[in-house]
């Protein structure tokens, strides 16, 4: 499996925990543990990360979608 790292990681801080995501593959893992999986932004991020993982989209597409999902949590 080829992992496409993002040039700029996404850093999420919550309750004293710092999570750093550097690829769509890592983001899929983070998304699978999120509480609000019915959120439209979560679904979009999940689908986009899967498309990157499957080679149908460039890695930066997933970064943008995950960043929106992370920001919508607050």
Protein backbone atom coordinates (compact mmCIF):
# COMPACT_ATOMS: atom_id res chain seq x y z
CA UNK A 1 0.00 0.00 0.00
CA UNK A 2 1.35 3.39 -1.00
CA UNK A 3 0.80 6.06 1.66
CA UNK A 4 0.67 9.63 0.37
CA UNK A 5 1.74 11.94 3.19
CA UNK A 6 0.38 15.46 3.26
CA UNK A 7 2.88 18.31 3.13
CA UNK A 8 1.16 19.93 6.11
CA UNK A 9 -0.28 17.66 8.85
CA UNK A 10 -3.60 18.33 10.57
CA UNK A 11 -3.25 18.78 14.32
CA UNK A 12 -6.31 18.27 16.50
CA UNK A 13 -6.22 19.14 20.20
CA UNK A 14 -9.00 18.03 22.51
CA UNK A 15 -9.12 17.52 26.27
CA UNK A 16 -5.33 17.68 26.59
CA UNK A 17 -4.78 15.15 23.80
CA UNK A 18 -2.96 16.10 20.62
CA UNK A 19 -3.68 14.09 17.46
CA UNK A 20 -1.55 14.58 14.37
CA UNK A 21 -2.84 13.28 11.05
CA UNK A 22 -0.40 13.12 8.16
CA UNK A 23 -2.25 11.02 5.55
CA UNK A 24 -5.67 9.83 4.40
CA UNK A 25 -4.90 6.42 5.88
CA UNK A 26 -4.32 7.92 9.33
CA UNK A 27 -7.42 10.06 8.93
CA UNK A 28 -9.55 6.97 8.21
CA UNK A 29 -8.41 5.53 11.52
CA UNK A 30 -9.23 8.75 13.36
CA UNK A 31 -12.60 9.08 11.63
CA UNK A 32 -13.53 5.53 12.56
CA UNK A 33 -13.22 6.50 16.24
CA UNK A 34 -15.16 9.75 16.06
CA UNK A 35 -18.39 10.03 18.02
CA UNK A 36 -20.52 11.94 15.50
CA UNK A 37 -20.38 9.72 12.42
CA UNK A 38 -23.76 10.94 11.13
CA UNK A 39 -22.44 14.43 10.49
CA UNK A 40 -22.35 15.35 6.77
CA UNK A 41 -18.79 16.65 7.02
CA UNK A 42 -17.69 13.40 8.69
CA UNK A 43 -19.30 11.36 5.89
CA UNK A 44 -17.69 13.53 3.22
CA UNK A 45 -14.27 13.18 4.87
CA UNK A 46 -14.70 9.40 5.15
CA UNK A 47 -15.71 9.02 1.50
CA UNK A 48 -12.90 11.29 0.32
CA UNK A 49 -10.28 9.43 2.37
CA UNK A 50 -11.52 6.11 0.98
CA UNK A 51 -11.26 7.49 -2.56
CA UNK A 52 -7.66 8.60 -1.90
CA UNK A 53 -6.85 5.22 -0.37
CA UNK A 54 -8.27 3.52 -3.48
CA UNK A 55 -6.27 5.83 -5.76
CA UNK A 56 -9.26 7.69 -7.22
CA UNK A 57 -8.38 11.14 -5.82
CA UNK A 58 -5.19 13.05 -4.96
CA UNK A 59 -4.12 13.08 -1.29
CA UNK A 60 -4.74 16.80 -0.79
CA UNK A 61 -8.47 16.31 -1.46
CA UNK A 62 -8.69 14.19 1.68
CA UNK A 63 -6.71 16.69 3.74
CA UNK A 64 -9.22 19.45 2.97
CA UNK A 65 -12.20 17.22 3.78
CA UNK A 66 -10.67 16.00 7.05
CA UNK A 67 -9.77 19.53 8.08
CA UNK A 68 -13.40 20.61 7.58
CA UNK A 69 -14.64 17.62 9.60
CA UNK A 70 -12.18 18.39 12.42
CA UNK A 71 -13.20 22.06 12.54
CA UNK A 72 -16.91 21.19 12.60
CA UNK A 73 -16.47 19.31 15.88
CA UNK A 74 -16.16 22.51 17.93
